Protein backbone atom coordinates (compact mmCIF):
# COMPACT_ATOMS: atom_id res chain seq x y z
CA MET A 1 -59.56 -60.68 68.56
CA LYS A 2 -59.77 -58.12 65.78
CA SER A 3 -58.50 -55.30 68.00
CA ARG A 4 -55.57 -57.47 69.13
CA PHE A 5 -54.72 -58.20 65.52
CA VAL A 6 -54.80 -54.50 64.61
CA LEU A 7 -52.74 -53.59 67.68
CA GLY A 8 -50.22 -56.27 66.80
CA ALA A 9 -49.96 -55.02 63.21
CA VAL A 10 -49.44 -51.43 64.37
CA THR A 11 -46.80 -52.52 66.88
CA ALA A 12 -44.99 -54.47 64.16
CA MET A 13 -45.12 -51.50 61.79
CA LEU A 14 -43.70 -49.15 64.46
CA ALA A 15 -40.96 -51.66 65.17
CA CYS A 16 -40.02 -51.67 61.47
CA VAL A 17 -39.88 -47.86 61.41
CA GLN A 18 -37.76 -47.77 64.57
CA SER A 19 -35.50 -50.45 63.09
CA ALA A 20 -35.03 -48.38 59.93
CA TYR A 21 -34.01 -45.34 61.93
CA ALA A 22 -31.73 -47.47 64.11
CA ALA A 23 -29.99 -48.73 60.95
CA ASP A 24 -29.30 -45.12 59.96
CA PRO A 25 -29.78 -42.76 62.91
CA THR A 26 -28.92 -39.77 60.72
CA GLU A 27 -31.98 -40.26 58.50
CA GLN A 28 -34.28 -38.54 60.99
CA GLN A 29 -31.84 -35.63 61.11
CA PHE A 30 -31.92 -35.42 57.31
CA ARG A 31 -35.70 -35.59 57.17
CA ALA A 32 -35.97 -32.68 59.60
CA LEU A 33 -33.50 -30.58 57.58
CA TYR A 34 -35.24 -31.41 54.30
CA LYS A 35 -38.67 -30.62 55.74
CA GLU A 36 -37.52 -27.26 57.14
CA LEU A 37 -35.88 -26.28 53.86
CA VAL A 38 -38.88 -27.31 51.71
CA GLU A 39 -41.35 -25.58 54.01
CA THR A 40 -39.40 -22.32 53.92
CA ASN A 41 -41.07 -20.38 51.10
CA THR A 42 -38.35 -19.25 48.68
CA THR A 43 -40.44 -18.01 45.76
CA LEU A 44 -39.36 -14.68 44.32
CA SER A 45 -42.77 -13.11 44.93
CA SER A 46 -43.23 -13.78 48.65
CA GLY A 47 -40.43 -15.97 49.96
CA SER A 48 -36.92 -15.54 51.33
CA CYS A 49 -33.85 -17.50 50.29
CA THR A 50 -31.92 -15.59 52.95
CA LEU A 51 -34.14 -17.07 55.66
CA ALA A 52 -33.64 -20.56 54.22
CA ALA A 53 -29.86 -20.04 54.20
CA GLU A 54 -29.93 -18.79 57.81
CA ARG A 55 -31.83 -21.90 58.90
CA ILE A 56 -29.23 -24.15 57.27
CA VAL A 57 -26.48 -22.15 59.00
CA ALA A 58 -28.14 -22.74 62.38
CA ARG A 59 -28.07 -26.49 61.80
CA MET A 60 -24.44 -26.41 60.67
CA LYS A 61 -23.38 -24.43 63.73
CA THR A 62 -25.08 -26.99 65.93
CA ALA A 63 -23.06 -29.68 64.13
CA GLY A 64 -19.84 -27.87 65.01
CA PHE A 65 -19.08 -25.62 62.04
CA PRO A 66 -17.33 -22.43 63.19
CA GLU A 67 -18.78 -19.15 62.03
CA SER A 68 -15.60 -18.49 60.05
CA ASP A 69 -16.51 -21.36 57.68
CA LEU A 70 -20.09 -20.20 57.11
CA HIS A 71 -20.66 -17.26 54.78
CA ILE A 72 -24.13 -15.78 54.31
CA PHE A 73 -24.11 -13.40 51.34
CA THR A 74 -26.68 -10.90 50.08
CA ALA A 75 -26.71 -7.99 47.68
CA PRO A 76 -27.83 -4.70 49.31
CA ASP A 77 -30.81 -4.29 46.99
CA HIS A 78 -31.85 -7.97 47.23
CA PRO A 79 -32.01 -8.67 50.98
CA LYS A 80 -34.30 -11.71 50.65
CA GLU A 81 -32.33 -13.33 47.79
CA GLY A 82 -29.23 -14.24 49.72
CA GLY A 83 -27.40 -17.54 49.93
CA LEU A 84 -24.78 -19.52 51.77
CA VAL A 85 -21.26 -20.74 51.14
CA ALA A 86 -20.07 -23.30 53.69
CA VAL A 87 -16.56 -24.72 53.84
CA LEU A 88 -15.23 -27.99 55.25
CA PRO A 89 -11.42 -27.51 55.15
CA GLY A 90 -9.33 -30.27 53.63
CA ARG A 91 -6.06 -31.71 54.88
CA ASP A 92 -4.11 -31.10 51.64
CA LEU A 93 -3.77 -27.40 50.88
CA LYS A 94 -2.41 -28.17 47.40
CA ALA A 95 -5.45 -30.22 46.39
CA LYS A 96 -8.07 -28.17 44.56
CA PRO A 97 -11.39 -27.77 46.40
CA ILE A 98 -14.61 -29.41 45.25
CA LEU A 99 -17.75 -27.28 45.05
CA LEU A 100 -21.24 -28.61 45.79
CA LEU A 101 -23.79 -26.32 44.14
CA ALA A 102 -27.58 -26.18 44.54
CA HIS A 103 -30.21 -23.48 44.25
CA ILE A 104 -32.76 -22.96 47.02
CA ASP A 105 -35.25 -20.72 45.21
CA VAL A 106 -38.33 -22.38 43.74
CA VAL A 107 -40.91 -21.77 41.01
CA GLU A 108 -44.12 -20.01 42.06
CA ALA A 109 -46.98 -22.23 43.28
CA LYS A 110 -50.62 -21.24 43.89
CA ARG A 111 -52.41 -23.06 46.69
CA GLU A 112 -55.74 -23.01 44.83
CA ASP A 113 -54.21 -24.99 41.96
CA TRP A 114 -52.59 -27.71 44.05
CA VAL A 115 -54.21 -30.76 45.64
CA ARG A 116 -52.07 -30.17 48.75
CA ASP A 117 -50.49 -27.07 50.28
CA PRO A 118 -47.37 -26.59 48.11
CA PHE A 119 -45.37 -25.30 51.08
CA THR A 120 -46.14 -28.13 53.46
CA LEU A 121 -44.09 -31.29 52.98
CA ILE A 122 -46.53 -34.17 52.80
CA GLU A 123 -45.50 -37.83 52.74
CA GLU A 124 -48.14 -39.91 51.02
CA ASP A 125 -48.10 -43.27 49.20
CA GLY A 126 -44.31 -43.45 49.25
CA LYS A 127 -43.83 -39.92 47.87
CA PHE A 128 -42.95 -36.49 49.24
CA TYR A 129 -45.19 -33.74 47.80
CA ALA A 130 -44.27 -30.02 47.88
CA ARG A 131 -42.90 -27.23 45.74
CA GLY A 132 -39.17 -27.79 45.65
CA ALA A 133 -39.45 -31.42 46.78
CA VAL A 134 -37.20 -32.16 43.81
CA ASP A 135 -36.08 -28.90 42.23
CA ASP A 136 -33.69 -28.22 43.83
CA LYS A 137 -34.18 -28.57 47.55
CA ALA A 138 -33.63 -32.32 47.39
CA GLN A 139 -30.02 -31.84 46.35
CA ALA A 140 -29.54 -28.75 48.51
CA ALA A 141 -30.67 -30.70 51.58
CA ILE A 142 -28.41 -33.63 50.65
CA TRP A 143 -25.36 -31.37 50.31
CA ALA A 144 -26.00 -29.69 53.68
CA ASP A 145 -26.71 -33.06 55.30
CA SER A 146 -23.50 -34.57 53.92
CA LEU A 147 -21.32 -31.75 55.24
CA ILE A 148 -23.04 -31.97 58.63
CA ARG A 149 -22.47 -35.73 58.78
CA PHE A 150 -18.82 -35.33 57.75
CA LYS A 151 -18.38 -32.80 60.55
CA GLN A 152 -20.11 -35.00 63.11
CA GLU A 153 -17.97 -37.97 62.06
CA GLY A 154 -14.80 -35.92 62.47
CA TYR A 155 -13.95 -36.59 58.83
CA LYS A 156 -11.36 -34.32 57.27
CA PRO A 157 -11.26 -34.76 53.47
CA ARG A 158 -8.11 -34.52 51.38
CA HIS A 159 -9.78 -31.90 49.18
CA THR A 160 -11.54 -28.96 50.80
CA LEU A 161 -15.30 -29.26 50.30
CA LYS A 162 -17.34 -26.14 49.60
CA MET A 163 -21.11 -25.84 49.39
CA ALA A 164 -22.90 -22.96 47.66
CA LEU A 165 -26.66 -22.68 48.15
CA THR A 166 -27.89 -19.86 45.93
CA CYS A 167 -31.01 -17.98 44.88
CA GLY A 168 -32.28 -16.78 41.50
CA GLU A 169 -31.90 -19.88 39.33
CA GLU A 170 -35.61 -20.13 38.57
CA THR A 171 -36.25 -16.57 37.39
CA SER A 172 -34.61 -14.85 34.44
CA GLY A 173 -33.84 -11.26 35.32
CA ALA A 174 -33.72 -11.87 39.07
CA PHE A 175 -30.62 -11.53 41.22
CA ASN A 176 -28.64 -14.73 40.68
CA GLY A 177 -26.44 -15.89 43.52
CA ALA A 178 -24.25 -18.20 41.45
CA GLU A 179 -23.53 -15.44 38.95
CA TRP A 180 -22.85 -12.95 41.75
CA LEU A 181 -20.42 -15.30 43.48
CA SER A 182 -18.55 -16.06 40.24
CA LYS A 183 -18.08 -12.34 39.58
CA ASN A 184 -17.73 -10.88 43.08
CA ARG A 185 -16.51 -13.65 45.43
CA ARG A 186 -14.74 -16.10 43.19
CA ASP A 187 -12.36 -16.82 46.08
CA LEU A 188 -15.23 -18.30 48.09
CA ILE A 189 -16.26 -20.80 45.43
CA ASP A 190 -13.00 -21.40 43.58
CA ALA A 191 -12.71 -25.14 42.88
CA GLY A 192 -11.24 -27.76 40.58
CA PHE A 193 -14.76 -28.78 39.61
CA ALA A 194 -18.34 -28.53 40.84
CA LEU A 195 -21.22 -30.96 41.28
CA ASN A 196 -24.69 -29.65 40.53
CA GLU A 197 -28.23 -30.61 39.53
CA GLY A 198 -29.08 -31.36 35.90
CA ALA A 199 -28.99 -35.15 35.63
CA GLY A 200 -29.86 -38.27 37.56
CA GLY A 201 -31.47 -41.66 37.33
CA GLU A 202 -34.14 -42.44 34.75
CA LEU A 203 -37.12 -44.67 35.54
CA ASN A 204 -39.45 -46.06 32.90
CA ALA A 205 -43.25 -45.97 33.15
CA ALA A 206 -43.20 -49.23 35.10
CA GLY A 207 -40.77 -47.79 37.66
CA LYS A 208 -37.78 -49.82 36.46
CA ARG A 209 -34.35 -48.17 36.57
CA VAL A 210 -33.18 -47.50 33.02
CA SER A 211 -29.99 -45.49 33.37
CA MET A 212 -27.93 -43.11 35.47
CA THR A 213 -27.01 -39.92 33.64
CA VAL A 214 -24.20 -37.42 34.12
CA GLN A 215 -24.66 -33.95 32.67
CA ALA A 216 -21.86 -32.60 30.54
CA GLY A 217 -23.12 -29.35 29.09
CA GLU A 218 -26.48 -27.62 29.00
CA LYS A 219 -28.60 -25.29 26.96
CA VAL A 220 -29.07 -21.62 27.76
CA SER A 221 -32.48 -20.21 28.61
CA GLN A 222 -33.40 -17.01 26.76
CA ASN A 223 -36.68 -15.11 26.55
CA TYR A 224 -37.84 -13.15 23.52
CA ARG A 225 -40.79 -10.79 23.29
CA LEU A 226 -43.03 -10.85 20.23
CA GLU A 227 -45.06 -7.65 19.92
CA VAL A 228 -47.72 -6.34 17.56
CA ILE A 229 -48.95 -2.74 17.84
CA ASN A 230 -52.26 -1.60 16.31
CA ARG A 231 -54.40 1.55 16.30
CA GLY A 232 -57.28 -0.43 17.80
CA GLY A 233 -60.81 0.91 17.82
CA HIS A 234 -64.34 0.08 18.93
CA SER A 235 -65.17 -3.62 19.28
CA SER A 236 -68.45 -3.06 17.41
CA ARG A 237 -66.41 -2.46 14.26
CA PRO A 238 -64.15 -5.54 13.87
CA MET A 239 -61.30 -5.21 11.38
CA LYS A 240 -59.13 -7.79 9.69
CA ASP A 241 -56.04 -6.14 11.13
CA ASN A 242 -56.41 -7.28 14.75
CA ALA A 243 -53.31 -7.25 16.96
CA ILE A 244 -54.28 -10.46 18.78
CA TYR A 245 -55.00 -12.37 15.58
CA HIS A 246 -51.81 -10.95 14.08
CA LEU A 247 -49.76 -12.18 17.05
CA ALA A 248 -51.51 -15.55 17.04
CA GLY A 249 -50.46 -16.05 13.43
CA ALA A 250 -46.85 -15.31 14.32
CA LEU A 251 -46.95 -17.76 17.22
CA THR A 252 -48.33 -20.46 14.96
CA LYS A 253 -45.30 -20.02 12.72
CA VAL A 254 -42.98 -20.24 15.73
CA GLN A 255 -44.76 -23.43 16.75
CA GLY A 256 -44.12 -24.98 13.37
CA TYR A 257 -40.48 -23.95 13.09
CA GLU A 258 -37.80 -26.58 13.73
CA PHE A 259 -34.24 -25.51 14.54
CA PRO A 260 -31.46 -27.54 12.90
CA ILE A 261 -30.33 -30.77 14.56
CA GLN A 262 -27.03 -30.55 16.45
CA LEU A 263 -24.98 -32.94 18.56
CA THR A 264 -22.43 -32.63 21.36
CA ASP A 265 -20.16 -35.30 22.85
CA GLY A 266 -22.70 -35.61 25.68
CA SER A 267 -25.74 -36.14 23.45
CA THR A 268 -23.82 -38.43 21.09
CA GLY A 269 -22.70 -40.58 24.02
CA TYR A 270 -26.25 -40.67 25.34
CA LEU A 271 -27.79 -41.73 22.03
CA ASN A 272 -25.18 -44.47 21.47
CA ALA A 273 -25.73 -45.91 24.94
CA MET A 274 -29.51 -45.47 24.96
CA SER A 275 -29.76 -47.25 21.61
CA LYS A 276 -28.46 -50.40 23.30
CA ILE A 277 -31.00 -50.02 26.12
CA GLN A 278 -33.83 -49.56 23.63
CA LEU A 279 -32.70 -52.59 21.64
CA SER A 280 -32.67 -54.80 24.74
CA ALA A 281 -36.16 -53.49 25.58
CA GLY A 282 -37.43 -54.63 22.19
CA HIS A 283 -37.58 -51.19 20.54
CA LYS A 284 -35.36 -51.89 17.53
CA ASP A 285 -36.90 -49.06 15.50
CA ILE A 286 -35.93 -46.49 18.13
CA SER A 287 -32.51 -48.05 18.60
CA ASP A 288 -31.80 -47.94 14.88
CA ALA A 289 -33.07 -44.37 14.65
CA MET A 290 -30.76 -43.21 17.45
CA LEU A 291 -27.73 -44.68 15.73
CA ALA A 292 -28.86 -43.16 12.43
CA VAL A 293 -29.10 -39.69 14.00
CA VAL A 294 -25.56 -40.02 15.39
CA LYS A 295 -24.33 -41.05 11.95
CA ASN A 296 -26.31 -38.41 10.07
CA PRO A 297 -28.08 -35.61 12.01
CA GLY A 298 -29.81 -34.69 8.74
CA ASP A 299 -31.73 -37.99 8.62
CA VAL A 300 -35.23 -36.52 8.92
CA LYS A 301 -37.01 -39.85 9.38
CA ALA A 302 -34.64 -41.00 12.13
CA VAL A 303 -34.89 -37.65 13.92
CA SER A 304 -38.69 -37.88 13.77
CA THR A 305 -38.67 -41.39 15.27
CA VAL A 306 -36.42 -40.36 18.15
CA SER A 307 -38.24 -37.08 18.80
CA SER A 308 -41.73 -38.60 18.81
CA ALA A 309 -40.65 -41.33 21.24
CA ASP A 310 -39.74 -38.95 24.08
CA PRO A 311 -39.96 -35.15 24.36
CA SER A 312 -36.75 -35.11 26.39
CA TRP A 313 -34.90 -36.77 23.53
CA ALA A 314 -36.40 -34.29 21.08
CA ALA A 315 -35.26 -31.35 23.20
CA MET A 316 -31.72 -32.72 23.41
CA LEU A 317 -31.25 -32.56 19.65
CA HIS A 318 -31.60 -28.86 18.92
CA THR A 319 -32.57 -25.39 20.09
CA THR A 320 -36.24 -25.19 21.06
CA CYS A 321 -38.60 -22.24 21.44
CA VAL A 322 -42.08 -22.21 22.97
CA ALA A 323 -44.66 -19.54 23.83
CA THR A 324 -45.07 -19.29 27.61
CA MET A 325 -47.00 -16.06 28.34
CA LEU A 326 -49.50 -13.72 26.66
CA ASP A 327 -50.45 -10.09 27.31
CA ALA A 328 -52.93 -8.35 25.01
CA GLY A 329 -55.70 -5.77 24.86
CA HIS A 330 -56.73 -2.99 27.19
CA ALA A 331 -60.54 -3.26 27.45
CA THR A 332 -63.24 -5.86 26.88
CA ASN A 333 -65.10 -3.59 24.46
CA ALA A 334 -62.14 -2.35 22.45
CA LEU A 335 -60.02 -3.71 19.65
CA PRO A 336 -56.53 -4.51 20.99
CA GLN A 337 -53.90 -1.85 20.48
CA ARG A 338 -51.05 -4.06 21.62
CA ALA A 339 -50.46 -7.80 21.85
CA ARG A 340 -47.36 -9.38 23.34
CA ALA A 341 -46.11 -12.90 23.89
CA ASN A 342 -43.10 -14.28 25.70
CA VAL A 343 -41.27 -17.01 23.82
CA ASN A 344 -38.84 -19.00 25.92
CA CYS A 345 -35.98 -20.62 24.01
CA ARG A 346 -33.50 -23.22 25.21
CA ILE A 347 -30.43 -22.53 23.10
CA PHE A 348 -28.00 -25.25 22.04
CA PRO A 349 -24.37 -24.84 23.23
CA GLY A 350 -22.36 -22.63 20.91
CA VAL A 351 -25.39 -20.85 19.39
CA THR A 352 -25.77 -17.14 20.13
CA GLN A 353 -28.93 -15.41 21.33
CA GLU A 354 -28.89 -13.16 18.26
CA THR A 355 -28.74 -16.16 15.92
CA VAL A 356 -31.92 -17.49 17.50
CA ARG A 357 -33.63 -14.10 17.33
CA GLN A 358 -32.85 -13.88 13.64
CA ALA A 359 -34.23 -17.40 13.14
CA LEU A 360 -37.50 -16.37 14.79
CA VAL A 361 -37.72 -13.27 12.60
CA LYS A 362 -37.18 -15.39 9.51
CA ALA A 363 -39.73 -17.99 10.60
CA ILE A 364 -42.40 -15.34 11.24
CA GLU A 365 -41.70 -13.46 8.01
CA ASP A 366 -43.63 -10.38 9.08
CA PRO A 367 -41.92 -7.03 9.73
CA ALA A 368 -44.98 -5.89 11.70
CA VAL A 369 -44.13 -8.41 14.41
CA LYS A 370 -41.28 -7.08 16.51
CA VAL A 371 -38.97 -9.74 17.99
CA GLU A 372 -36.95 -8.43 20.92
CA THR A 373 -34.28 -10.19 22.96
CA LEU A 374 -35.04 -9.72 26.64
CA GLU A 375 -32.48 -9.71 29.44
CA ILE A 376 -29.63 -12.13 28.71
CA ARG A 377 -29.18 -14.55 31.61
CA GLY A 378 -25.54 -15.33 30.97
CA GLU A 379 -22.90 -16.61 28.60
CA ASN A 380 -23.42 -19.70 26.47
CA SER A 381 -20.29 -21.58 27.50
CA ALA A 382 -18.76 -24.73 26.04
CA PRO A 383 -19.59 -28.06 27.73
CA PRO A 384 -17.00 -29.29 30.27
CA VAL A 385 -14.91 -32.33 29.35
CA LEU A 386 -16.11 -35.60 30.91
CA THR A 387 -12.89 -37.08 32.30
CA ARG A 388 -12.39 -40.56 33.73
CA ALA A 389 -11.73 -38.91 37.10
CA ILE A 390 -15.36 -37.74 37.03
CA MET A 391 -17.01 -40.74 35.38
CA GLU A 392 -15.24 -43.68 37.00
CA PRO A 393 -16.47 -43.02 40.58
CA VAL A 394 -20.04 -42.62 39.29
CA GLU A 395 -19.80 -45.87 37.33
CA LYS A 396 -18.39 -47.85 40.26
CA LEU A 397 -20.89 -46.54 42.79
CA THR A 398 -23.82 -47.03 40.42
CA ALA A 399 -22.72 -50.63 39.82
CA LYS A 400 -22.50 -51.16 43.58
CA MET A 401 -25.92 -49.71 44.41
CA TRP A 402 -27.85 -50.64 41.27
CA PRO A 403 -26.08 -53.50 39.44
CA GLY A 404 -26.68 -53.51 35.71
CA VAL A 405 -27.77 -49.86 35.44
CA PRO A 406 -25.60 -48.14 32.80
CA VAL A 407 -24.09 -44.68 33.27
CA LEU A 408 -24.69 -42.30 30.35
CA PRO A 409 -23.41 -38.80 29.55
CA ILE A 410 -26.16 -36.34 28.70
CA LEU A 411 -26.68 -32.84 27.35
CA GLN A 412 -29.17 -31.09 29.64
CA SER A 413 -31.97 -29.57 27.59
CA GLY A 414 -32.87 -27.26 30.44
CA ALA A 415 -30.61 -24.68 32.05
CA THR A 416 -28.94 -24.56 35.45
CA ASP A 417 -26.60 -22.30 37.36
CA GLY A 418 -23.76 -24.42 36.03
CA GLN A 419 -23.88 -21.94 33.15
CA PHE A 420 -22.19 -19.30 35.30
CA LEU A 421 -19.57 -21.59 36.82
CA ASN A 422 -18.54 -23.11 33.50
CA ALA A 423 -18.17 -19.61 32.09
CA ALA A 424 -15.99 -18.71 35.09
CA GLY A 425 -13.68 -21.66 34.42
CA ILE A 426 -15.05 -24.11 37.01
CA PRO A 427 -16.08 -27.31 35.16
CA THR A 428 -19.55 -28.18 36.43
CA TYR A 429 -21.22 -31.58 36.17
CA GLY A 430 -24.82 -32.51 36.86
CA ILE A 431 -24.94 -35.59 39.11
CA SER A 432 -27.73 -36.38 41.58
CA GLY A 433 -28.19 -40.13 42.00
CA ILE A 434 -31.94 -39.50 42.33
CA PHE A 435 -34.16 -41.60 40.10
CA LEU A 436 -37.20 -39.82 38.65
CA THR A 437 -40.24 -41.04 36.76
CA PRO A 438 -40.78 -40.02 33.10
CA ASP A 439 -42.81 -36.98 34.22
CA LEU A 440 -39.74 -35.80 36.21
CA GLY A 441 -41.82 -35.52 39.37
CA ASN A 442 -43.90 -32.68 37.90
CA ILE A 443 -40.99 -30.26 38.31
CA HIS A 444 -42.23 -26.67 37.74
CA GLY A 445 -45.79 -28.04 37.52
CA LEU A 446 -48.62 -28.92 39.87
CA ASN A 447 -48.15 -31.30 42.80
CA GLU A 448 -44.39 -31.69 42.47
CA TYR A 449 -43.19 -34.91 44.08
CA ILE A 450 -40.26 -37.25 44.68
CA GLY A 451 -40.20 -40.89 45.73
CA VAL A 452 -39.17 -41.19 49.37
CA GLN A 453 -36.89 -44.14 48.68
CA SER A 454 -35.48 -42.40 45.63
CA LEU A 455 -34.54 -39.40 47.77
CA MET A 456 -32.96 -41.58 50.45
CA ASP A 457 -31.01 -43.58 47.87
CA GLY A 458 -29.82 -40.33 46.26
CA ARG A 459 -28.67 -39.15 49.67
CA THR A 460 -26.60 -42.30 50.15
CA PHE A 461 -25.23 -42.13 46.61
CA LEU A 462 -24.08 -38.51 46.79
CA HIS A 463 -22.62 -38.86 50.28
CA GLU A 464 -20.41 -41.75 49.14
CA LEU A 465 -19.60 -40.13 45.80
CA VAL A 466 -18.45 -36.86 47.38
CA LYS A 467 -16.26 -38.79 49.81
CA THR A 468 -14.68 -40.68 46.89
CA TYR A 469 -13.97 -37.45 44.98
CA ALA A 470 -12.66 -35.85 48.17
CA GLU A 471 -9.94 -38.50 48.49
CA GLN A 472 -8.81 -38.53 44.83
CA ASN A 473 -5.19 -37.77 44.03
């Protein structure tokens, strides 16, 4: 009897799975594309974005895309850091194209640190685990899948749809495909506006949907090197003037320094809307503090309340700098002759890299600590304007799929490749439709993950949203 019961349960479960696929026969196709993309190693150290792009091209050719609409690009001295621009021609040549942007490179991941192989997509307990499961192969796979489905359906949009899958977003100083395209093949990506990563749905700790965000503007990532040089000596003769201790003191001052509070239209809109959400959740103190910050960014108490409630809110309010790497000493039995640290700053829109460097110098107050600006990633451009033509489709679709979930503008405290497109005159908005937990799916960290249902819902959301934009007058 027990075996019959088990067999019956298994049969029922398989029937449910088959029913789910029958309801959406393209889901299996998407899962295969997503798996192949995630499992293609695209780290800078040992991977190949070019290979990932070629694999997407193969799938698009199978779907019926002619070779003339598929453009693999590489720089001669960066053969493994290539990308892809794919085009689905529109029926109105006067309508400006829409660009779908995503990066396919990922942050480094060491197998010995992870619970699971970071380059094997594993589905477990309702989640997909892998490096790039979220950032940014989820959106890259959705874009490719949407264009493939449009092609298979025989759909010809009013606006031409372009997709750019690029490399180099995750590493400052590396070849950046979005930057290269904006400077060398602007014709390929020219568009009225672009959709990109940088925002999405917010879940609370209990897994309840809190809001859907739309990115309008972002910070700029900039690295600075702090360096102390010393004559060193024998470790048996310790001296007060030790390069490592000297550097540590400077880093402590950087840790304690707070950049001035600033607001943009995006962050102001977010705080106003989030204050209502916090009030309805019973957090009147946070709600009041958010409104107080909007009214007076110099309200120290209100800023402290907002910042301590959520690190993402704190980061949204000003430029931030944090030590990320150390390099010091030359021998275990010698006093250090040189000590260096990398300080990564996320710079508020409109603030220059030199202004931040000078602020670090002033905070450290020690001429013996050299503060050097490392390679500049790109221009710090002004946030794009959030028009009703952008916001209204998001609001309507969100209300349809998740009734009662508000849509909020947001200033992205991180940095994306939208930086290069905005600077090139292509307004770029972060919209994903993917809901993430407060830990953001451990993006850039260990055991990165995304909810399976969240990914599938995001796929549905973006497919419908792109089609709506593609038919706008």
